[in-house]
Amino acid sequence: MSKKIEAATKRLTKAIKKHSEVVGASSVTLKKAQRAAVEIQEAAIAYALIVQEKTGIETPFPNLWNSGLEASTITSLISERDALVKKSGSKNK
């Protein structure tokens, strides 16, 4: 397994475990639950981006991208990001 994918998997697993501990406690505070949920979302997005970068396979979490932006805008932003990554990668060689 790729080291980046493995690290992202560990981060996502840790975030899910933390969330389950927070919401499974005898008293649940909304603020802690929301914070733990955001950690899951951030870890899932990071995982999806790393998988896409490594394999070209689209995200296994399609609903995470529901940012209110149109699909064409998201596609454009992803293309711009990929071009910048590619450009910075070629400078480092």
C-alpha atoms as a PDB file:
ATOM      1  CA  MET A   1       0.000   0.000   0.000  1.00  0.00           C
ATOM      2  CA  SER A   2       1.187   3.510  -0.757  1.00  0.00           C
ATOM      3  CA  LYS A   3       2.594   5.285   2.301  1.00  0.00           C
ATOM      4  CA  LYS A   4       0.406   8.327   1.622  1.00  0.00           C
ATOM      5  CA  ILE A   5      -2.745   6.221   1.298  1.00  0.00           C
ATOM      6  CA  GLU A   6      -1.846   4.277   4.427  1.00  0.00           C
ATOM      7  CA  ALA A   7      -1.292   7.491   6.408  1.00  0.00           C
ATOM      8  CA  ALA A   8      -4.592   8.933   5.151  1.00  0.00           C
ATOM      9  CA  THR A   9      -6.366   5.695   6.081  1.00  0.00           C
ATOM     10  CA  LYS A  10      -4.958   5.856   9.607  1.00  0.00           C
ATOM     11  CA  ARG A  11      -6.023   9.500   9.956  1.00  0.00           C
ATOM     12  CA  LEU A  12      -9.556   8.706   8.763  1.00  0.00           C
ATOM     13  CA  THR A  13      -9.828   5.668  11.040  1.00  0.00           C
ATOM     14  CA  LYS A  14      -8.627   7.700  14.013  1.00  0.00           C
ATOM     15  CA  ALA A  15     -11.167  10.455  13.256  1.00  0.00           C
ATOM     16  CA  ILE A  16     -14.017   7.937  13.036  1.00  0.00           C
ATOM     17  CA  LYS A  17     -12.961   6.302  16.305  1.00  0.00           C
ATOM     18  CA  LYS A  18     -12.801   9.687  18.053  1.00  0.00           C
ATOM     19  CA  HIS A  19     -16.246  10.616  16.724  1.00  0.00           C
ATOM     20  CA  SER A  20     -17.735   7.342  17.959  1.00  0.00           C
ATOM     21  CA  GLU A  21     -16.228   7.944  21.404  1.00  0.00           C
ATOM     22  CA  VAL A  22     -17.651  11.473  21.542  1.00  0.00           C
ATOM     23  CA  VAL A  23     -21.161  10.574  20.405  1.00  0.00           C
ATOM     24  CA  GLY A  24     -21.188   7.303  22.337  1.00  0.00           C
ATOM     25  CA  ALA A  25     -20.448   8.964  25.678  1.00  0.00           C
ATOM     26  CA  SER A  26     -23.127   9.172  28.332  1.00  0.00           C
ATOM     27  CA  SER A  27     -23.441  12.928  27.776  1.00  0.00           C
ATOM     28  CA  VAL A  28     -22.835  14.338  24.319  1.00  0.00           C
ATOM     29  CA  THR A  29     -22.083  18.004  23.742  1.00  0.00           C
ATOM     30  CA  LEU A  30     -23.061  19.396  20.372  1.00  0.00           C
ATOM     31  CA  LYS A  31     -19.809  21.324  20.021  1.00  0.00           C
ATOM     32  CA  LYS A  32     -17.616  18.246  20.565  1.00  0.00           C
ATOM     33  CA  ALA A  33     -19.757  16.150  18.218  1.00  0.00           C
ATOM     34  CA  GLN A  34     -19.577  18.797  15.495  1.00  0.00           C
ATOM     35  CA  ARG A  35     -15.806  19.149  15.896  1.00  0.00           C
ATOM     36  CA  ALA A  36     -15.373  15.378  15.639  1.00  0.00           C
ATOM     37  CA  ALA A  37     -17.611  15.297  12.549  1.00  0.00           C
ATOM     38  CA  VAL A  38     -15.509  17.986  10.862  1.00  0.00           C
ATOM     39  CA  GLU A  39     -12.384  15.948  11.580  1.00  0.00           C
ATOM     40  CA  ILE A  40     -13.966  12.991   9.785  1.00  0.00           C
ATOM     41  CA  GLN A  41     -14.898  15.159   6.809  1.00  0.00           C
ATOM     42  CA  GLU A  42     -11.410  16.653   6.555  1.00  0.00           C
ATOM     43  CA  ALA A  43      -9.775  13.230   6.843  1.00  0.00           C
ATOM     44  CA  ALA A  44     -12.153  11.753   4.254  1.00  0.00           C
ATOM     45  CA  ILE A  45     -11.464  14.583   1.811  1.00  0.00           C
ATOM     46  CA  ALA A  46      -7.717  14.179   2.301  1.00  0.00           C
ATOM     47  CA  TYR A  47      -8.033  10.411   1.757  1.00  0.00           C
ATOM     48  CA  ALA A  48     -10.117  10.880  -1.389  1.00  0.00           C
ATOM     49  CA  LEU A  49      -7.680  13.404  -2.845  1.00  0.00           C
ATOM     50  CA  ILE A  50      -4.693  11.165  -2.186  1.00  0.00           C
ATOM     51  CA  VAL A  51      -6.441   8.175  -3.761  1.00  0.00           C
ATOM     52  CA  GLN A  52      -7.428  10.253  -6.788  1.00  0.00           C
ATOM     53  CA  GLU A  53      -3.900  11.638  -7.129  1.00  0.00           C
ATOM     54  CA  LYS A  54      -2.352   8.166  -6.926  1.00  0.00           C
ATOM     55  CA  THR A  55      -4.883   6.169  -8.971  1.00  0.00           C
ATOM     56  CA  GLY A  56      -7.097   8.571 -10.899  1.00  0.00           C
ATOM     57  CA  ILE A  57     -10.109   6.912  -9.260  1.00  0.00           C
ATOM     58  CA  GLU A  58     -12.789   9.353  -8.159  1.00  0.00           C
ATOM     59  CA  THR A  59     -13.758   9.791  -4.522  1.00  0.00           C
ATOM     60  CA  PRO A  60     -15.538   7.007  -2.671  1.00  0.00           C
ATOM     61  CA  PHE A  61     -17.351   9.810  -0.789  1.00  0.00           C
ATOM     62  CA  PRO A  62     -19.238  11.720  -3.507  1.00  0.00           C
ATOM     63  CA  ASN A  63     -21.505  13.580  -1.073  1.00  0.00           C
ATOM     64  CA  LEU A  64     -18.545  15.156   0.731  1.00  0.00           C
ATOM     65  CA  TRP A  65     -18.107  17.586  -2.124  1.00  0.00           C
ATOM     66  CA  ASN A  66     -21.523  19.125  -1.528  1.00  0.00           C
ATOM     67  CA  SER A  67     -20.156  22.609  -0.981  1.00  0.00           C
ATOM     68  CA  GLY A  68     -22.920  24.472  -2.761  1.00  0.00           C
ATOM     69  CA  LEU A  69     -20.685  25.027  -5.776  1.00  0.00           C
ATOM     70  CA  GLU A  70     -21.747  23.865  -9.206  1.00  0.00           C
ATOM     71  CA  ALA A  71     -20.100  20.697 -10.489  1.00  0.00           C
ATOM     72  CA  SER A  72     -18.414  22.616 -13.316  1.00  0.00           C
ATOM     73  CA  THR A  73     -16.836  25.020 -10.805  1.00  0.00           C
ATOM     74  CA  ILE A  74     -15.565  22.146  -8.672  1.00  0.00           C
ATOM     75  CA  THR A  75     -14.159  20.411 -11.769  1.00  0.00           C
ATOM     76  CA  SER A  76     -12.442  23.626 -12.822  1.00  0.00           C
ATOM     77  CA  LEU A  77     -10.919  24.132  -9.366  1.00  0.00           C
ATOM     78  CA  ILE A  78      -9.690  20.533  -9.274  1.00  0.00           C
ATOM     79  CA  SER A  79      -8.112  20.956 -12.731  1.00  0.00           C
ATOM     80  CA  GLU A  80      -6.379  24.149 -11.633  1.00  0.00           C
ATOM     81  CA  ARG A  81      -5.098  22.433  -8.483  1.00  0.00           C
ATOM     82  CA  ASP A  82      -3.820  19.463 -10.473  1.00  0.00           C
ATOM     83  CA  ALA A  83      -2.057  21.760 -12.940  1.00  0.00           C
ATOM     84  CA  LEU A  84      -0.345  23.610 -10.084  1.00  0.00           C
ATOM     85  CA  VAL A  85       0.736  20.336  -8.479  1.00  0.00           C
ATOM     86  CA  LYS A  86       2.082  19.093 -11.813  1.00  0.00           C
ATOM     87  CA  LYS A  87       3.890  22.390 -12.449  1.00  0.00           C
ATOM     88  CA  SER A  88       5.513  22.421  -8.981  1.00  0.00           C
ATOM     89  CA  GLY A  89       6.442  18.750  -9.398  1.00  0.00           C
ATOM     90  CA  SER A  90       8.265  19.429 -12.660  1.00  0.00           C
ATOM     91  CA  LYS A  91      10.216  22.282 -11.039  1.00  0.00           C
ATOM     92  CA  ASN A  92      11.478  19.922  -8.311  1.00  0.00           C
ATOM     93  CA  LYS A  93      13.010  17.522 -10.845  1.00  0.00           C
END
